[in-house]
PDB file of N, CA and C in Angstrom:
ATOM      1  N   MET A   1      -7.155 -12.201  -6.702  1.00  0.00           N
ATOM      2  CA  MET A   1      -7.141 -11.127  -5.731  1.00  0.00           C
ATOM      3  C   MET A   1      -7.602  -9.804  -6.493  1.00  0.00           C
ATOM      4  N   ASN A   2      -9.039  -9.340  -5.672  1.00  0.00           N
ATOM      5  CA  ASN A   2      -8.670  -8.387  -5.638  1.00  0.00           C
ATOM      6  C   ASN A   2      -8.533  -6.983  -5.309  1.00  0.00           C
ATOM      7  N   THR A   3      -7.850  -5.433  -6.356  1.00  0.00           N
ATOM      8  CA  THR A   3      -7.514  -4.434  -5.062  1.00  0.00           C
ATOM      9  C   THR A   3      -8.552  -3.232  -5.564  1.00  0.00           C
ATOM     10  N   ARG A   4      -9.034  -2.928  -5.400  1.00  0.00           N
ATOM     11  CA  ARG A   4     -10.001  -1.502  -4.902  1.00  0.00           C
ATOM     12  C   ARG A   4      -9.221  -0.295  -4.483  1.00  0.00           C
ATOM     13  N   ALA A   5      -9.648   0.848  -5.577  1.00  0.00           N
ATOM     14  CA  ALA A   5      -9.696   1.870  -5.201  1.00  0.00           C
ATOM     15  C   ALA A   5     -10.542   3.012  -5.200  1.00  0.00           C
ATOM     16  N   LYS A   6     -10.509   3.681  -4.630  1.00  0.00           N
ATOM     17  CA  LYS A   6     -11.712   4.734  -4.593  1.00  0.00           C
ATOM     18  C   LYS A   6     -11.378   6.388  -4.546  1.00  0.00           C
ATOM     19  N   LEU A   7     -12.759   7.524  -5.229  1.00  0.00           N
ATOM     20  CA  LEU A   7     -12.228   8.961  -5.244  1.00  0.00           C
ATOM     21  C   LEU A   7     -13.884   9.226  -4.816  1.00  0.00           C
ATOM     22  N   ARG A   8     -13.764  10.010  -3.937  1.00  0.00           N
ATOM     23  CA  ARG A   8     -14.889  10.435  -3.592  1.00  0.00           C
ATOM     24  C   ARG A   8     -14.994  11.610  -3.471  1.00  0.00           C
ATOM     25  N   GLY A   9     -16.354  12.142  -3.968  1.00  0.00           N
ATOM     26  CA  GLY A   9     -16.483  13.962  -3.611  1.00  0.00           C
ATOM     27  C   GLY A   9     -16.210  14.547  -4.993  1.00  0.00           C
ATOM     28  N   VAL A  10     -16.475  13.560  -6.997  1.00  0.00           N
ATOM     29  CA  VAL A  10     -15.790  14.427  -7.739  1.00  0.00           C
ATOM     30  C   VAL A  10     -16.368  15.395  -8.325  1.00  0.00           C
ATOM     31  N   ARG A  11     -16.120  16.327  -8.299  1.00  0.00           N
ATOM     32  CA  ARG A  11     -16.818  17.147  -9.526  1.00  0.00           C
ATOM     33  C   ARG A  11     -17.591  16.798 -10.568  1.00  0.00           C
ATOM     34  N   LEU A  12     -18.296  15.916 -10.927  1.00  0.00           N
ATOM     35  CA  LEU A  12     -19.031  15.111 -12.038  1.00  0.00           C
ATOM     36  C   LEU A  12     -20.080  14.801 -11.768  1.00  0.00           C
ATOM     37  N   SER A  13     -20.816  14.644 -12.958  1.00  0.00           N
ATOM     38  CA  SER A  13     -22.382  14.418 -12.188  1.00  0.00           C
ATOM     39  C   SER A  13     -22.537  12.579 -12.790  1.00  0.00           C
ATOM     40  N   THR A  14     -23.580  11.781 -12.221  1.00  0.00           N
ATOM     41  CA  THR A  14     -23.382  10.529 -12.156  1.00  0.00           C
ATOM     42  C   THR A  14     -23.726   9.828 -13.106  1.00  0.00           C
ATOM     43  N   GLN A  15     -24.052  10.060 -14.155  1.00  0.00           N
ATOM     44  CA  GLN A  15     -24.829   9.760 -15.434  1.00  0.00           C
ATOM     45  C   GLN A  15     -23.557  10.200 -16.712  1.00  0.00           C
ATOM     46  N   LYS A  16     -23.179  11.390 -16.522  1.00  0.00           N
ATOM     47  CA  LYS A  16     -21.470  11.020 -17.898  1.00  0.00           C
ATOM     48  C   LYS A  16     -20.387  10.083 -16.958  1.00  0.00           C
ATOM     49  N   GLY A  17     -20.251   9.821 -15.819  1.00  0.00           N
ATOM     50  CA  GLY A  17     -19.550   9.506 -14.740  1.00  0.00           C
ATOM     51  C   GLY A  17     -19.995   7.789 -15.635  1.00  0.00           C
ATOM     52  N   ARG A  18     -21.123   7.610 -15.647  1.00  0.00           N
ATOM     53  CA  ARG A  18     -21.657   5.721 -15.900  1.00  0.00           C
ATOM     54  C   ARG A  18     -21.486   6.015 -16.953  1.00  0.00           C
ATOM     55  N   LEU A  19     -21.930   6.912 -18.070  1.00  0.00           N
ATOM     56  CA  LEU A  19     -20.958   6.381 -19.393  1.00  0.00           C
ATOM     57  C   LEU A  19     -19.972   6.930 -19.661  1.00  0.00           C
ATOM     58  N   VAL A  20     -18.475   6.399 -19.472  1.00  0.00           N
ATOM     59  CA  VAL A  20     -17.353   6.364 -19.798  1.00  0.00           C
ATOM     60  C   VAL A  20     -17.419   5.092 -19.168  1.00  0.00           C
ATOM     61  N   ALA A  21     -18.023   4.786 -17.374  1.00  0.00           N
ATOM     62  CA  ALA A  21     -17.930   3.887 -16.989  1.00  0.00           C
ATOM     63  C   ALA A  21     -17.895   2.293 -17.571  1.00  0.00           C
ATOM     64  N   ASP A  22     -19.014   2.383 -18.527  1.00  0.00           N
ATOM     65  CA  ASP A  22     -19.473   1.737 -19.039  1.00  0.00           C
ATOM     66  C   ASP A  22     -18.466   1.427 -19.963  1.00  0.00           C
ATOM     67  N   LEU A  23     -17.815   1.789 -20.776  1.00  0.00           N
ATOM     68  CA  LEU A  23     -16.957   1.629 -21.708  1.00  0.00           C
ATOM     69  C   LEU A  23     -15.814   0.379 -21.311  1.00  0.00           C
ATOM     70  N   ILE A  24     -15.221   0.637 -19.952  1.00  0.00           N
ATOM     71  CA  ILE A  24     -13.984  -0.006 -19.516  1.00  0.00           C
ATOM     72  C   ILE A  24     -14.500  -1.090 -18.904  1.00  0.00           C
ATOM     73  N   ARG A  25     -15.966  -1.718 -18.629  1.00  0.00           N
ATOM     74  CA  ARG A  25     -15.827  -1.814 -17.596  1.00  0.00           C
ATOM     75  C   ARG A  25     -16.242  -4.085 -18.176  1.00  0.00           C
ATOM     76  N   GLY A  26     -14.797  -4.366 -17.698  1.00  0.00           N
ATOM     77  CA  GLY A  26     -14.543  -6.029 -17.861  1.00  0.00           C
ATOM     78  C   GLY A  26     -13.750  -5.866 -19.089  1.00  0.00           C
ATOM     79  N   LYS A  27     -12.743  -5.300 -19.067  1.00  0.00           N
ATOM     80  CA  LYS A  27     -12.085  -4.830 -20.130  1.00  0.00           C
ATOM     81  C   LYS A  27     -10.459  -5.867 -19.403  1.00  0.00           C
ATOM     82  N   THR A  28      -9.531  -5.353 -20.260  1.00  0.00           N
ATOM     83  CA  THR A  28      -7.596  -5.397 -19.662  1.00  0.00           C
ATOM     84  C   THR A  28      -7.464  -4.702 -18.919  1.00  0.00           C
ATOM     85  N   VAL A  29      -6.784  -4.364 -18.152  1.00  0.00           N
ATOM     86  CA  VAL A  29      -5.960  -2.862 -17.470  1.00  0.00           C
ATOM     87  C   VAL A  29      -5.707  -2.017 -19.165  1.00  0.00           C
ATOM     88  N   GLU A  30      -4.742  -2.733 -20.459  1.00  0.00           N
ATOM     89  CA  GLU A  30      -4.504  -2.110 -21.033  1.00  0.00           C
ATOM     90  C   GLU A  30      -5.130  -2.024 -21.951  1.00  0.00           C
ATOM     91  N   GLN A  31      -6.487  -2.392 -22.049  1.00  0.00           N
ATOM     92  CA  GLN A  31      -7.541  -1.638 -23.265  1.00  0.00           C
ATOM     93  C   GLN A  31      -8.119  -0.680 -22.133  1.00  0.00           C
ATOM     94  N   ALA A  32      -8.581  -0.745 -21.198  1.00  0.00           N
ATOM     95  CA  ALA A  32      -8.735   0.266 -20.035  1.00  0.00           C
ATOM     96  C   ALA A  32      -8.111   1.792 -20.573  1.00  0.00           C
ATOM     97  N   LEU A  33      -6.776   1.733 -20.254  1.00  0.00           N
ATOM     98  CA  LEU A  33      -6.207   2.924 -20.186  1.00  0.00           C
ATOM     99  C   LEU A  33      -6.107   3.379 -21.673  1.00  0.00           C
ATOM    100  N   ASN A  34      -6.009   2.313 -22.333  1.00  0.00           N
ATOM    101  CA  ASN A  34      -6.471   2.896 -24.186  1.00  0.00           C
ATOM    102  C   ASN A  34      -7.205   3.584 -24.428  1.00  0.00           C
ATOM    103  N   ILE A  35      -8.850   3.350 -23.894  1.00  0.00           N
ATOM    104  CA  ILE A  35      -9.912   3.663 -23.977  1.00  0.00           C
ATOM    105  C   ILE A  35     -10.089   4.874 -23.851  1.00  0.00           C
ATOM    106  N   LEU A  36      -9.018   5.337 -22.224  1.00  0.00           N
ATOM    107  CA  LEU A  36      -9.598   6.059 -21.360  1.00  0.00           C
ATOM    108  C   LEU A  36      -8.792   7.396 -22.139  1.00  0.00           C
ATOM    109  N   GLN A  37      -7.602   6.706 -22.348  1.00  0.00           N
ATOM    110  CA  GLN A  37      -6.823   8.220 -23.104  1.00  0.00           C
ATOM    111  C   GLN A  37      -6.630   8.818 -24.143  1.00  0.00           C
ATOM    112  N   PHE A  38      -7.956   7.998 -25.100  1.00  0.00           N
ATOM    113  CA  PHE A  38      -8.559   8.979 -26.619  1.00  0.00           C
ATOM    114  C   PHE A  38      -9.805   9.007 -26.550  1.00  0.00           C
ATOM    115  N   SER A  39     -10.503   8.830 -25.504  1.00  0.00           N
ATOM    116  CA  SER A  39     -11.645   9.230 -25.028  1.00  0.00           C
ATOM    117  C   SER A  39     -11.481  11.191 -24.819  1.00  0.00           C
ATOM    118  N   PRO A  40     -12.388  11.708 -25.257  1.00  0.00           N
ATOM    119  CA  PRO A  40     -12.634  12.850 -25.084  1.00  0.00           C
ATOM    120  C   PRO A  40     -13.607  13.611 -23.632  1.00  0.00           C
ATOM    121  N   LYS A  41     -14.052  12.716 -23.117  1.00  0.00           N
ATOM    122  CA  LYS A  41     -14.664  12.940 -21.874  1.00  0.00           C
ATOM    123  C   LYS A  41     -14.376  13.083 -20.650  1.00  0.00           C
ATOM    124  N   LYS A  42     -14.634  14.521 -19.609  1.00  0.00           N
ATOM    125  CA  LYS A  42     -14.133  14.565 -19.078  1.00  0.00           C
ATOM    126  C   LYS A  42     -14.006  13.459 -17.451  1.00  0.00           C
ATOM    127  N   GLY A  43     -15.061  13.354 -17.470  1.00  0.00           N
ATOM    128  CA  GLY A  43     -15.420  11.465 -16.905  1.00  0.00           C
ATOM    129  C   GLY A  43     -13.710  10.910 -17.037  1.00  0.00           C
ATOM    130  N   ALA A  44     -13.296  10.624 -18.473  1.00  0.00           N
ATOM    131  CA  ALA A  44     -12.136   9.322 -18.909  1.00  0.00           C
ATOM    132  C   ALA A  44     -10.931   9.776 -17.796  1.00  0.00           C
ATOM    133  N   VAL A  45     -10.678  11.313 -17.659  1.00  0.00           N
ATOM    134  CA  VAL A  45      -9.401  11.738 -17.191  1.00  0.00           C
ATOM    135  C   VAL A  45      -9.246  11.713 -15.322  1.00  0.00           C
ATOM    136  N   ILE A  46     -10.473  11.329 -15.118  1.00  0.00           N
ATOM    137  CA  ILE A  46     -10.850  11.777 -13.511  1.00  0.00           C
ATOM    138  C   ILE A  46     -10.378  10.052 -13.538  1.00  0.00           C
ATOM    139  N   ILE A  47     -11.569   8.975 -14.369  1.00  0.00           N
ATOM    140  CA  ILE A  47     -11.619   7.269 -13.762  1.00  0.00           C
ATOM    141  C   ILE A  47     -10.106   7.121 -14.487  1.00  0.00           C
ATOM    142  N   ARG A  48      -9.721   7.538 -15.188  1.00  0.00           N
ATOM    143  CA  ARG A  48      -8.144   6.994 -16.084  1.00  0.00           C
ATOM    144  C   ARG A  48      -6.972   7.149 -14.456  1.00  0.00           C
ATOM    145  N   LYS A  49      -7.192   8.297 -13.350  1.00  0.00           N
ATOM    146  CA  LYS A  49      -6.953   8.324 -12.834  1.00  0.00           C
ATOM    147  C   LYS A  49      -6.924   7.678 -11.314  1.00  0.00           C
ATOM    148  N   VAL A  50      -7.751   7.159 -11.307  1.00  0.00           N
ATOM    149  CA  VAL A  50      -8.498   6.163 -10.274  1.00  0.00           C
ATOM    150  C   VAL A  50      -7.812   4.858 -10.829  1.00  0.00           C
ATOM    151  N   LEU A  51      -8.154   4.550 -12.121  1.00  0.00           N
ATOM    152  CA  LEU A  51      -7.488   2.880 -12.909  1.00  0.00           C
ATOM    153  C   LEU A  51      -5.776   2.877 -11.815  1.00  0.00           C
ATOM    154  N   GLU A  52      -5.422   4.223 -12.339  1.00  0.00           N
ATOM    155  CA  GLU A  52      -3.439   3.865 -12.366  1.00  0.00           C
ATOM    156  C   GLU A  52      -3.703   3.675 -10.268  1.00  0.00           C
ATOM    157  N   SER A  53      -4.329   4.385  -9.743  1.00  0.00           N
ATOM    158  CA  SER A  53      -4.640   4.339  -8.647  1.00  0.00           C
ATOM    159  C   SER A  53      -4.704   2.584  -7.970  1.00  0.00           C
ATOM    160  N   ALA A  54      -6.166   2.162  -8.750  1.00  0.00           N
ATOM    161  CA  ALA A  54      -6.422   0.536  -8.473  1.00  0.00           C
ATOM    162  C   ALA A  54      -4.888  -0.277  -9.074  1.00  0.00           C
ATOM    163  N   ILE A  55      -4.734   0.282 -10.180  1.00  0.00           N
ATOM    164  CA  ILE A  55      -2.829  -0.644 -10.876  1.00  0.00           C
ATOM    165  C   ILE A  55      -2.164  -0.687  -9.405  1.00  0.00           C
ATOM    166  N   ALA A  56      -1.918   0.598  -9.321  1.00  0.00           N
ATOM    167  CA  ALA A  56      -0.529   0.507  -7.943  1.00  0.00           C
ATOM    168  C   ALA A  56      -0.754  -0.107  -7.479  1.00  0.00           C
ATOM    169  N   ASN A  57      -1.590  -0.433  -6.350  1.00  0.00           N
ATOM    170  CA  ASN A  57      -2.156   0.036  -5.043  1.00  0.00           C
ATOM    171  C   ASN A  57      -2.008  -2.020  -5.243  1.00  0.00           C
ATOM    172  N   ALA A  58      -2.519  -2.592  -6.242  1.00  0.00           N
ATOM    173  CA  ALA A  58      -2.740  -4.084  -6.575  1.00  0.00           C
ATOM    174  C   ALA A  58      -1.241  -4.638  -6.993  1.00  0.00           C
ATOM    175  N   GLU A  59      -0.079  -3.692  -7.135  1.00  0.00           N
ATOM    176  CA  GLU A  59       1.296  -4.124  -7.792  1.00  0.00           C
ATOM    177  C   GLU A  59       1.877  -3.430  -6.513  1.00  0.00           C
ATOM    178  N   HIS A  60       1.434  -2.575  -5.622  1.00  0.00           N
ATOM    179  CA  HIS A  60       2.178  -2.391  -4.595  1.00  0.00           C
ATOM    180  C   HIS A  60       1.851  -3.192  -3.173  1.00  0.00           C
ATOM    181  N   ASN A  61       0.625  -3.602  -2.905  1.00  0.00           N
ATOM    182  CA  ASN A  61       0.204  -4.033  -1.828  1.00  0.00           C
ATOM    183  C   ASN A  61      -0.097  -5.707  -1.699  1.00  0.00           C
ATOM    184  N   ASP A  62      -0.277  -5.868  -2.669  1.00  0.00           N
ATOM    185  CA  ASP A  62      -0.810  -7.535  -3.402  1.00  0.00           C
ATOM    186  C   ASP A  62       0.086  -8.149  -4.233  1.00  0.00           C
ATOM    187  N   GLY A  63       1.446  -7.130  -4.821  1.00  0.00           N
ATOM    188  CA  GLY A  63       2.387  -8.220  -5.677  1.00  0.00           C
ATOM    189  C   GLY A  63       1.390  -8.846  -6.822  1.00  0.00           C
ATOM    190  N   ALA A  64       0.325  -8.267  -7.053  1.00  0.00           N
ATOM    191  CA  ALA A  64       0.168  -8.391  -8.916  1.00  0.00           C
ATOM    192  C   ALA A  64       0.838  -8.223  -9.991  1.00  0.00           C
ATOM    193  N   ASP A  65      -0.039  -9.054 -10.926  1.00  0.00           N
ATOM    194  CA  ASP A  65       0.701  -8.528 -12.563  1.00  0.00           C
ATOM    195  C   ASP A  65      -0.104  -8.617 -12.895  1.00  0.00           C
ATOM    196  N   ILE A  66       0.719  -7.446 -13.564  1.00  0.00           N
ATOM    197  CA  ILE A  66      -0.070  -5.726 -14.268  1.00  0.00           C
ATOM    198  C   ILE A  66      -1.197  -6.509 -15.670  1.00  0.00           C
ATOM    199  N   ASP A  67      -0.164  -7.209 -16.550  1.00  0.00           N
ATOM    200  CA  ASP A  67      -0.786  -7.715 -17.213  1.00  0.00           C
ATOM    201  C   ASP A  67      -1.549  -8.969 -17.599  1.00  0.00           C
ATOM    202  N   GLU A  68      -2.279  -9.142 -15.982  1.00  0.00           N
ATOM    203  CA  GLU A  68      -3.185 -10.408 -15.831  1.00  0.00           C
ATOM    204  C   GLU A  68      -4.465  -9.725 -15.332  1.00  0.00           C
ATOM    205  N   LEU A  69      -4.234  -7.790 -15.330  1.00  0.00           N
ATOM    206  CA  LEU A  69      -5.231  -7.760 -13.928  1.00  0.00           C
ATOM    207  C   LEU A  69      -6.815  -6.843 -15.553  1.00  0.00           C
ATOM    208  N   LYS A  70      -7.832  -7.056 -14.831  1.00  0.00           N
ATOM    209  CA  LYS A  70      -9.216  -6.541 -15.518  1.00  0.00           C
ATOM    210  C   LYS A  70      -9.435  -6.309 -14.882  1.00  0.00           C
ATOM    211  N   VAL A  71     -10.855  -5.167 -15.084  1.00  0.00           N
ATOM    212  CA  VAL A  71     -10.970  -4.283 -14.439  1.00  0.00           C
ATOM    213  C   VAL A  71     -12.997  -4.977 -13.895  1.00  0.00           C
ATOM    214  N   THR A  72     -12.374  -5.603 -12.909  1.00  0.00           N
ATOM    215  CA  THR A  72     -13.725  -6.428 -12.783  1.00  0.00           C
ATOM    216  C   THR A  72     -15.093  -6.034 -12.070  1.00  0.00           C
ATOM    217  N   SER A  73     -14.650  -4.535 -12.029  1.00  0.00           N
ATOM    218  CA  SER A  73     -15.865  -3.584 -11.666  1.00  0.00           C
ATOM    219  C   SER A  73     -15.970  -2.177 -11.050  1.00  0.00           C
ATOM    220  N   ILE A  74     -16.716  -1.001 -11.456  1.00  0.00           N
ATOM    221  CA  ILE A  74     -16.628   0.211 -11.585  1.00  0.00           C
ATOM    222  C   ILE A  74     -17.877   0.224 -11.217  1.00  0.00           C
ATOM    223  N   CYS A  75     -17.977   1.580 -10.198  1.00  0.00           N
ATOM    224  CA  CYS A  75     -19.515   1.508  -9.860  1.00  0.00           C
ATOM    225  C   CYS A  75     -19.107   3.231  -9.693  1.00  0.00           C
ATOM    226  N   VAL A  76     -19.851   4.022 -10.586  1.00  0.00           N
ATOM    227  CA  VAL A  76     -19.979   5.575 -10.226  1.00  0.00           C
ATOM    228  C   VAL A  76     -21.592   6.082  -9.532  1.00  0.00           C
ATOM    229  N   GLU A  77     -21.142   6.560  -7.730  1.00  0.00           N
ATOM    230  CA  GLU A  77     -23.131   6.490  -7.467  1.00  0.00           C
ATOM    231  C   GLU A  77     -22.751   8.117  -6.380  1.00  0.00           C
ATOM    232  N   ARG A  78     -23.691   8.912  -6.899  1.00  0.00           N
ATOM    233  CA  ARG A  78     -24.367   9.960  -6.512  1.00  0.00           C
ATOM    234  C   ARG A  78     -23.445  10.549  -5.037  1.00  0.00           C
ATOM    235  N   GLY A  79     -22.805  11.740  -5.176  1.00  0.00           N
ATOM    236  CA  GLY A  79     -22.924  12.534  -3.851  1.00  0.00           C
ATOM    237  C   GLY A  79     -23.667  13.225  -3.123  1.00  0.00           C
ATOM    238  N   SER A  80     -22.539  14.303  -2.660  1.00  0.00           N
ATOM    239  CA  SER A  80     -23.519  15.454  -2.299  1.00  0.00           C
ATOM    240  C   SER A  80     -24.106  16.328  -3.181  1.00  0.00           C
ATOM    241  N   PHE A  81     -24.153  17.433  -3.702  1.00  0.00           N
ATOM    242  CA  PHE A  81     -24.769  18.500  -4.410  1.00  0.00           C
ATOM    243  C   PHE A  81     -24.067  19.885  -3.435  1.00  0.00           C
ATOM    244  N   LEU A  82     -23.130  20.120  -4.262  1.00  0.00           N
ATOM    245  CA  LEU A  82     -22.940  21.704  -4.339  1.00  0.00           C
ATOM    246  C   LEU A  82     -23.757  22.886  -4.124  1.00  0.00           C
ATOM    247  N   ARG A  83     -24.417  23.704  -3.320  1.00  0.00           N
ATOM    248  CA  ARG A  83     -25.706  24.296  -3.444  1.00  0.00           C
ATOM    249  C   ARG A  83     -24.894  25.926  -3.501  1.00  0.00           C
ATOM    250  N   ARG A  84     -25.445  26.661  -5.036  1.00  0.00           N
ATOM    251  CA  ARG A  84     -24.998  27.810  -5.016  1.00  0.00           C
ATOM    252  C   ARG A  84     -26.403  28.174  -5.267  1.00  0.00           C
ATOM    253  N   PHE A  85     -26.398  30.092  -5.292  1.00  0.00           N
ATOM    254  CA  PHE A  85     -27.659  30.213  -5.446  1.00  0.00           C
ATOM    255  C   PHE A  85     -27.494  32.120  -6.372  1.00  0.00           C
ATOM    256  N   ARG A  86     -28.101  31.981  -7.138  1.00  0.00           N
ATOM    257  CA  ARG A  86     -28.013  33.616  -8.574  1.00  0.00           C
ATOM    258  C   ARG A  86     -28.984  33.834  -8.175  1.00  0.00           C
ATOM    259  N   ALA A  87     -28.671  35.170  -8.402  1.00  0.00           N
ATOM    260  CA  ALA A  87     -29.260  36.295  -8.539  1.00  0.00           C
ATOM    261  C   ALA A  87     -30.772  36.614  -9.259  1.00  0.00           C
ATOM    262  N   GLN A  88     -31.500  36.447  -9.087  1.00  0.00           N
ATOM    263  CA  GLN A  88     -33.368  36.712  -9.854  1.00  0.00           C
ATOM    264  C   GLN A  88     -33.567  38.283  -9.676  1.00  0.00           C
ATOM    265  N   SER A  89     -34.280  38.641 -10.474  1.00  0.00           N
ATOM    266  CA  SER A  89     -35.274  39.827 -10.238  1.00  0.00           C
ATOM    267  C   SER A  89     -36.484  39.482  -9.101  1.00  0.00           C
ATOM    268  N   LYS A  90     -36.959  40.631  -8.930  1.00  0.00           N
ATOM    269  CA  LYS A  90     -37.828  40.856  -7.480  1.00  0.00           C
ATOM    270  C   LYS A  90     -36.831  40.738  -5.928  1.00  0.00           C
ATOM    271  N   GLY A  91     -35.814  40.241  -5.775  1.00  0.00           N
ATOM    272  CA  GLY A  91     -35.514  39.966  -5.195  1.00  0.00           C
ATOM    273  C   GLY A  91     -35.058  38.326  -4.616  1.00  0.00           C
ATOM    274  N   ARG A  92     -35.304  37.761  -5.427  1.00  0.00           N
ATOM    275  CA  ARG A  92     -35.342  36.921  -5.512  1.00  0.00           C
ATOM    276  C   ARG A  92     -33.714  35.495  -6.020  1.00  0.00           C
ATOM    277  N   GLY A  93     -33.630  33.998  -5.564  1.00  0.00           N
ATOM    278  CA  GLY A  93     -32.674  33.773  -5.898  1.00  0.00           C
ATOM    279  C   GLY A  93     -32.732  32.472  -6.092  1.00  0.00           C
ATOM    280  N   ALA A  94     -32.131  32.443  -7.160  1.00  0.00           N
ATOM    281  CA  ALA A  94     -32.645  30.669  -7.793  1.00  0.00           C
ATOM    282  C   ALA A  94     -31.137  30.144  -7.467  1.00  0.00           C
ATOM    283  N   ALA A  95     -31.836  28.347  -7.212  1.00  0.00           N
ATOM    284  CA  ALA A  95     -30.930  27.361  -6.676  1.00  0.00           C
ATOM    285  C   ALA A  95     -30.250  26.804  -8.165  1.00  0.00           C
ATOM    286  N   ILE A  96     -28.862  26.903  -7.467  1.00  0.00           N
ATOM    287  CA  ILE A  96     -27.545  26.079  -8.698  1.00  0.00           C
ATOM    288  C   ILE A  96     -27.082  24.948  -8.255  1.00  0.00           C
ATOM    289  N   ASN A  97     -27.340  23.618  -8.604  1.00  0.00           N
ATOM    290  CA  ASN A  97     -26.974  22.507  -7.621  1.00  0.00           C
ATOM    291  C   ASN A  97     -25.997  21.869  -8.680  1.00  0.00           C
ATOM    292  N   LYS A  98     -24.800  21.570  -8.096  1.00  0.00           N
ATOM    293  CA  LYS A  98     -23.486  21.470  -8.423  1.00  0.00           C
ATOM    294  C   LYS A  98     -23.382  19.455  -8.075  1.00  0.00           C
ATOM    295  N   PRO A  99     -23.415  18.765  -9.049  1.00  0.00           N
ATOM    296  CA  PRO A  99     -23.460  17.799  -8.602  1.00  0.00           C
ATOM    297  C   PRO A  99     -21.811  17.062  -8.357  1.00  0.00           C
ATOM    298  N   THR A 100     -21.862  16.273  -7.391  1.00  0.00           N
ATOM    299  CA  THR A 100     -20.512  15.406  -7.201  1.00  0.00           C
ATOM    300  C   THR A 100     -20.917  13.786  -7.473  1.00  0.00           C
ATOM    301  N   CYS A 101     -19.750  12.922  -7.379  1.00  0.00           N
ATOM    302  CA  CYS A 101     -19.901  11.888  -7.640  1.00  0.00           C
ATOM    303  C   CYS A 101     -18.811  10.573  -7.086  1.00  0.00           C
ATOM    304  N   HIS A 102     -19.231   9.506  -6.575  1.00  0.00           N
ATOM    305  CA  HIS A 102     -18.116   9.031  -5.155  1.00  0.00           C
ATOM    306  C   HIS A 102     -17.841   7.365  -6.786  1.00  0.00           C
ATOM    307  N   ILE A 103     -16.418   7.547  -7.496  1.00  0.00           N
ATOM    308  CA  ILE A 103     -16.237   6.061  -7.700  1.00  0.00           C
ATOM    309  C   ILE A 103     -15.583   5.466  -6.885  1.00  0.00           C
ATOM    310  N   THR A 104     -15.921   3.800  -7.021  1.00  0.00           N
ATOM    311  CA  THR A 104     -15.411   3.135  -7.076  1.00  0.00           C
ATOM    312  C   THR A 104     -15.000   1.993  -8.164  1.00  0.00           C
ATOM    313  N   LEU A 105     -13.683   1.515  -8.346  1.00  0.00           N
ATOM    314  CA  LEU A 105     -13.359   0.761  -8.752  1.00  0.00           C
ATOM    315  C   LEU A 105     -11.879  -0.420  -8.403  1.00  0.00           C
ATOM    316  N   THR A 106     -12.289  -1.648  -8.824  1.00  0.00           N
ATOM    317  CA  THR A 106     -12.000  -2.977  -8.297  1.00  0.00           C
ATOM    318  C   THR A 106     -11.005  -3.647  -9.974  1.00  0.00           C
ATOM    319  N   VAL A 107      -9.943  -4.128  -9.952  1.00  0.00           N
ATOM    320  CA  VAL A 107      -9.286  -4.349 -10.908  1.00  0.00           C
ATOM    321  C   VAL A 107      -8.916  -6.303  -9.816  1.00  0.00           C
ATOM    322  N   GLY A 108      -8.949  -6.911 -10.677  1.00  0.00           N
ATOM    323  CA  GLY A 108      -7.902  -8.280 -10.146  1.00  0.00           C
ATOM    324  C   GLY A 108      -7.829  -9.496 -11.457  1.00  0.00           C
ATOM    325  N   ASP A 109      -7.464 -10.193 -10.832  1.00  0.00           N
ATOM    326  CA  ASP A 109      -6.740 -11.109 -12.011  1.00  0.00           C
ATOM    327  C   ASP A 109      -7.642 -12.410 -12.258  1.00  0.00           C
ATOM    328  N   GLY A 110      -8.987 -12.808 -11.612  1.00  0.00           N
ATOM    329  CA  GLY A 110      -9.546 -13.290 -11.978  1.00  0.00           C
ATOM    330  C   GLY A 110      -9.666 -14.451 -10.795  1.00  0.00           C
ATOM    331  N   ARG A 111      -8.942 -14.870 -10.146  1.00  0.00           N
ATOM    332  CA  ARG A 111      -8.888 -15.866  -9.298  1.00  0.00           C
ATOM    333  C   ARG A 111      -8.970 -15.438  -7.307  1.00  0.00           C
ATOM    334  N   LYS A 112      -9.659 -15.553  -6.550  1.00  0.00           N
ATOM    335  CA  LYS A 112     -10.025 -15.456  -5.297  1.00  0.00           C
ATOM    336  C   LYS A 112      -9.005 -15.172  -4.220  1.00  0.00           C
TER     337      LYS A 112
END
């Protein structure tokens, strides 16, 4: 049984999010939470919250046993950009793109 949690529009670049996602892919839930707790990256805090949400969804909606859950898949996709402008010389403006991403995390016990 697979259970999913999504977080959309996070103020984090996809490259930085994928670095953290690669650390926990395929690990048990307990190991993943431990890795994320001691990782110094900003994405670790965000992905930890998504993982805790997926665990709560699995327990409440599907009645899954938390001890048997694994991170079956985690996907960090590019979202839209927050476009900002900064003043430059001679009346020009320089664009500042602030990236966002969408995080989809699936936990399961290995059975269908």
